[in-house]
């Protein structure tokens, strides 16, 4: 297959991608800390970006990207998967037909994920959509999504996760008895202090929500398991 045919086939594959993984430190595919060789024999500096990855990201700035080596870190891996999932949901929204209502519903579903990653940006995005009827939807929507994806790049911390869990547990304060509320608060605090993983308070919260369903929380992406079939993540073939 000649070069143009290969590029066309690869482009067709990428049309359905929801994320892209680049090769770490590759001179063509590295996303960061790629060696840049200086003039006049000066020492190289690990501060560049690969030629291919730079062109790729400029062409598809909203597509979630990451380097293979960084995905060994659970926090970075989970963040990348969450962004790929968001990208997949947005593409489905566009295929189904974007309206003002579906855009607002989409934003609402991301409230608590944004609270865990970038709470200030959730408020900023809310203000952006505040006067939605006064703006051209087709112009505003791409701006909204770009800002959303930029916000989701920030990794949640134990503190921000804990604050989010506190907000979510507040919906159950009337449904739970005193012992159940204390247990919920104790596990959130233990997670905040690094004693237990996030799955512990999150699992208990989901257990209580199954017993006491809440239609609004049922839509929250933060509480939904990632559907592996919803996102196609492509490895770089240029590394």
Protein backbone atom coordinates (compact mmCIF):
# COMPACT_ATOMS: atom_id res chain seq x y z
CA UNK A 1 0.00 0.00 0.00
CA UNK A 2 1.47 3.38 -0.98
CA UNK A 3 1.84 6.27 1.44
CA UNK A 4 -1.30 8.13 0.40
CA UNK A 5 -3.42 4.97 0.61
CA UNK A 6 -1.98 4.19 4.05
CA UNK A 7 -2.76 7.69 5.27
CA UNK A 8 -6.30 7.45 3.89
CA UNK A 9 -6.89 4.11 5.63
CA UNK A 10 -5.48 5.47 8.88
CA UNK A 11 -7.61 8.58 8.56
CA UNK A 12 -10.72 6.43 8.13
CA UNK A 13 -9.82 4.55 11.30
CA UNK A 14 -9.27 7.77 13.24
CA UNK A 15 -12.67 9.10 12.17
CA UNK A 16 -14.25 6.74 14.70
CA UNK A 17 -11.61 7.12 17.42
CA UNK A 18 -12.49 8.55 20.81
CA UNK A 19 -8.93 8.80 22.07
CA UNK A 20 -5.35 8.38 20.92
CA UNK A 21 -2.30 6.93 22.69
CA UNK A 22 1.12 8.17 21.65
CA UNK A 23 4.56 6.65 22.20
CA UNK A 24 6.42 8.24 25.08
CA UNK A 25 9.64 10.15 24.21
CA UNK A 26 9.31 9.33 20.53
CA UNK A 27 10.76 12.10 18.30
CA UNK A 28 7.65 11.82 16.13
CA UNK A 29 4.94 10.81 18.61
CA UNK A 30 5.98 12.04 22.03
CA UNK A 31 3.53 14.46 23.63
CA UNK A 32 5.96 16.08 26.03
CA UNK A 33 9.60 16.04 27.17
CA UNK A 34 10.81 15.07 23.71
CA UNK A 35 14.48 15.89 23.18
CA UNK A 36 15.01 19.02 21.11
CA UNK A 37 18.53 19.23 19.71
CA UNK A 38 20.07 22.69 19.77
CA UNK A 39 22.23 24.49 17.25
CA UNK A 40 26.01 24.70 17.52
CA UNK A 41 26.30 21.44 19.45
CA UNK A 42 24.51 22.66 22.54
CA UNK A 43 22.99 19.92 24.79
CA UNK A 44 19.51 18.67 23.87
CA UNK A 45 16.60 19.81 26.02
CA UNK A 46 13.72 17.46 26.91
CA UNK A 47 10.98 20.02 26.45
CA UNK A 48 9.57 19.44 22.98
CA UNK A 49 6.69 17.60 21.31
CA UNK A 50 6.98 15.07 18.51
CA UNK A 51 6.46 16.25 14.94
CA UNK A 52 3.53 13.94 14.24
CA UNK A 53 1.85 14.38 17.63
CA UNK A 54 2.10 18.18 17.34
CA UNK A 55 0.41 18.14 13.92
CA UNK A 56 -2.17 15.60 15.09
CA UNK A 57 -3.16 17.56 18.21
CA UNK A 58 -3.38 20.78 16.22
CA UNK A 59 -5.79 19.09 13.83
CA UNK A 60 -7.91 17.38 16.52
CA UNK A 61 -7.47 19.53 19.64
CA UNK A 62 -10.47 18.11 21.54
CA UNK A 63 -9.63 14.42 21.08
CA UNK A 64 -8.31 12.88 24.32
CA UNK A 65 -4.64 11.97 23.97
CA UNK A 66 -2.08 10.46 26.31
CA UNK A 67 1.36 8.82 26.27
CA UNK A 68 1.62 5.08 26.79
CA UNK A 69 4.04 5.26 29.71
CA UNK A 70 1.87 7.68 31.69
CA UNK A 71 -1.06 5.26 31.51
CA UNK A 72 0.73 3.06 34.06
CA UNK A 73 -0.38 5.58 36.69
CA UNK A 74 -3.97 4.69 37.75
CA UNK A 75 -5.05 8.32 38.19
CA UNK A 76 -3.84 9.32 34.72
CA UNK A 77 -5.31 6.19 33.16
CA UNK A 78 -8.73 6.78 34.73
CA UNK A 79 -8.64 10.42 33.70
CA UNK A 80 -7.87 9.48 30.09
CA UNK A 81 -10.67 6.89 29.98
CA UNK A 82 -13.15 9.39 31.44
CA UNK A 83 -12.22 11.91 28.74
CA UNK A 84 -12.56 9.29 26.01
CA UNK A 85 -15.99 8.42 27.40
CA UNK A 86 -17.01 12.10 27.37
CA UNK A 87 -15.80 12.43 23.78
CA UNK A 88 -17.84 9.37 22.78
CA UNK A 89 -20.98 10.74 24.44
CA UNK A 90 -20.54 14.11 22.73
CA UNK A 91 -20.16 12.49 19.32
CA UNK A 92 -23.32 10.47 19.96
CA UNK A 93 -25.12 13.67 20.94
CA UNK A 94 -24.08 15.26 17.64
CA UNK A 95 -25.26 12.22 15.68
CA UNK A 96 -28.61 12.25 17.45
CA UNK A 97 -29.08 15.94 16.72
CA UNK A 98 -27.91 18.73 18.98
CA UNK A 99 -30.54 21.00 20.51
CA UNK A 100 -30.43 23.56 23.29
CA UNK A 101 -32.18 21.12 25.60
CA UNK A 102 -29.84 18.20 24.87
CA UNK A 103 -26.81 20.48 25.37
CA UNK A 104 -28.10 21.60 28.77
CA UNK A 105 -28.91 18.00 29.71
CA UNK A 106 -25.40 16.94 28.69
CA UNK A 107 -23.87 19.67 30.86
CA UNK A 108 -26.06 18.69 33.79
CA UNK A 109 -24.88 15.08 33.61
CA UNK A 110 -21.27 16.23 34.00
CA UNK A 111 -21.88 18.36 37.10
CA UNK A 112 -20.28 16.05 39.67
CA UNK A 113 -17.45 14.84 37.45
CA UNK A 114 -16.51 18.48 36.91
CA UNK A 115 -16.90 19.15 40.62
CA UNK A 116 -14.29 16.46 41.21
CA UNK A 117 -11.91 17.64 38.49
CA UNK A 118 -12.42 21.37 37.95
CA UNK A 119 -15.28 22.92 39.99
CA UNK A 120 -14.52 26.47 38.86
CA UNK A 121 -14.83 25.46 35.25
CA UNK A 122 -18.22 23.86 35.93
CA UNK A 123 -19.42 27.26 37.09
CA UNK A 124 -17.80 28.98 34.09
CA UNK A 125 -19.45 26.56 31.68
CA UNK A 126 -22.77 27.12 33.43
CA UNK A 127 -22.40 30.85 32.84
CA UNK A 128 -21.52 30.19 29.21
CA UNK A 129 -24.79 28.32 28.77
CA UNK A 130 -26.78 30.73 30.94
CA UNK A 131 -28.04 32.77 28.00
CA UNK A 132 -28.06 29.96 25.50
CA UNK A 133 -31.16 31.23 23.71
CA UNK A 134 -29.27 34.42 22.79
CA UNK A 135 -26.47 32.59 20.97
CA UNK A 136 -26.10 30.58 17.81
CA UNK A 137 -26.09 26.97 18.99
CA UNK A 138 -23.78 25.74 16.24
CA UNK A 139 -21.16 28.31 17.21
CA UNK A 140 -21.50 27.98 20.98
CA UNK A 141 -21.54 24.18 21.20
CA UNK A 142 -17.99 23.59 19.87
CA UNK A 143 -16.65 26.26 22.24
CA UNK A 144 -18.47 24.64 25.16
CA UNK A 145 -17.12 21.18 24.35
CA UNK A 146 -13.54 22.42 23.92
CA UNK A 147 -13.69 24.08 27.34
CA UNK A 148 -15.25 20.96 28.86
CA UNK A 149 -12.51 18.71 27.52
CA UNK A 150 -9.84 21.12 28.75
CA UNK A 151 -11.40 21.05 32.22
CA UNK A 152 -11.54 17.26 32.29
CA UNK A 153 -7.79 17.06 31.67
CA UNK A 154 -7.27 18.08 35.28
CA UNK A 155 -7.02 15.03 37.54
CA UNK A 156 -9.28 14.87 40.58
CA UNK A 157 -7.63 14.84 44.00
CA UNK A 158 -8.59 13.11 47.23
CA UNK A 159 -9.85 16.44 48.51
CA UNK A 160 -11.99 17.20 45.44
CA UNK A 161 -13.34 13.64 45.32
CA UNK A 162 -14.19 13.87 49.02
CA UNK A 163 -16.03 17.16 48.54
CA UNK A 164 -17.97 15.64 45.65
CA UNK A 165 -18.92 12.60 47.72
CA UNK A 166 -20.08 14.90 50.50
CA UNK A 167 -22.36 16.75 48.08
CA UNK A 168 -23.76 13.50 46.71
CA UNK A 169 -24.36 12.01 50.14
CA UNK A 170 -26.36 15.11 51.00
CA UNK A 171 -29.15 13.84 48.75
CA UNK A 172 -29.53 10.88 51.11
CA UNK A 173 -29.52 12.62 54.47
CA UNK A 174 -33.27 12.20 54.94
CA UNK A 175 -33.34 8.65 53.62
CA UNK A 176 -30.56 7.24 55.85
CA UNK A 177 -30.68 6.67 59.57
CA UNK A 178 -28.08 8.09 61.93
CA UNK A 179 -25.81 5.04 61.85
CA UNK A 180 -25.84 4.92 58.05
CA UNK A 181 -25.03 8.61 57.75
CA UNK A 182 -22.15 8.26 60.21
CA UNK A 183 -20.77 5.27 58.30
CA UNK A 184 -20.93 7.22 55.04
CA UNK A 185 -19.13 10.20 56.57
CA UNK A 186 -16.52 7.98 58.21
CA UNK A 187 -15.63 6.28 54.92
CA UNK A 188 -15.42 9.58 53.06
CA UNK A 189 -13.06 10.89 55.73
CA UNK A 190 -10.99 7.71 55.60
CA UNK A 191 -10.68 8.11 51.85
CA UNK A 192 -9.70 11.78 52.24
CA UNK A 193 -6.91 10.69 54.63
CA UNK A 194 -5.67 7.95 52.31
CA UNK A 195 -6.81 5.04 54.49
CA UNK A 196 -9.15 3.46 51.93
CA UNK A 197 -9.45 3.73 48.12
CA UNK A 198 -12.16 5.77 46.39
CA UNK A 199 -14.08 2.59 45.55
CA UNK A 200 -14.97 2.09 49.23
CA UNK A 201 -17.11 5.21 49.89
CA UNK A 202 -18.28 5.26 46.26
CA UNK A 203 -19.56 1.67 46.48
CA UNK A 204 -21.43 2.42 49.69
CA UNK A 205 -22.95 5.54 48.13
CA UNK A 206 -24.14 3.57 45.11
CA UNK A 207 -25.57 0.92 47.45
CA UNK A 208 -27.68 3.52 49.23
CA UNK A 209 -28.77 5.05 45.92
CA UNK A 210 -30.01 1.65 44.74
CA UNK A 211 -32.13 1.48 47.88
CA UNK A 212 -33.21 5.12 47.61
CA UNK A 213 -33.18 6.01 43.88
CA UNK A 214 -32.75 9.61 42.79
CA UNK A 215 -33.64 10.40 39.17
CA UNK A 216 -31.19 13.30 38.95
CA UNK A 217 -28.22 11.40 40.36
CA UNK A 218 -29.03 8.44 38.13
CA UNK A 219 -27.94 10.58 35.16
CA UNK A 220 -24.61 11.67 36.64
CA UNK A 221 -21.57 10.48 34.73
CA UNK A 222 -19.55 10.52 37.96
CA UNK A 223 -21.62 7.60 39.26
CA UNK A 224 -21.87 5.64 36.03
CA UNK A 225 -19.50 2.82 35.10
CA UNK A 226 -17.46 3.41 31.96
CA UNK A 227 -18.85 1.40 29.05
CA UNK A 228 -15.85 -0.08 27.29
CA UNK A 229 -17.72 -0.45 24.00
CA UNK A 230 -18.52 3.26 23.88
CA UNK A 231 -15.01 4.42 23.03
CA UNK A 232 -12.45 3.37 20.46
CA UNK A 233 -8.94 4.35 21.52
CA UNK A 234 -6.29 4.23 18.83
CA UNK A 235 -2.57 3.59 19.45
CA UNK A 236 -0.14 5.69 17.45
CA UNK A 237 1.39 3.90 14.47
CA UNK A 238 3.96 6.61 13.86
CA UNK A 239 6.06 6.19 17.01
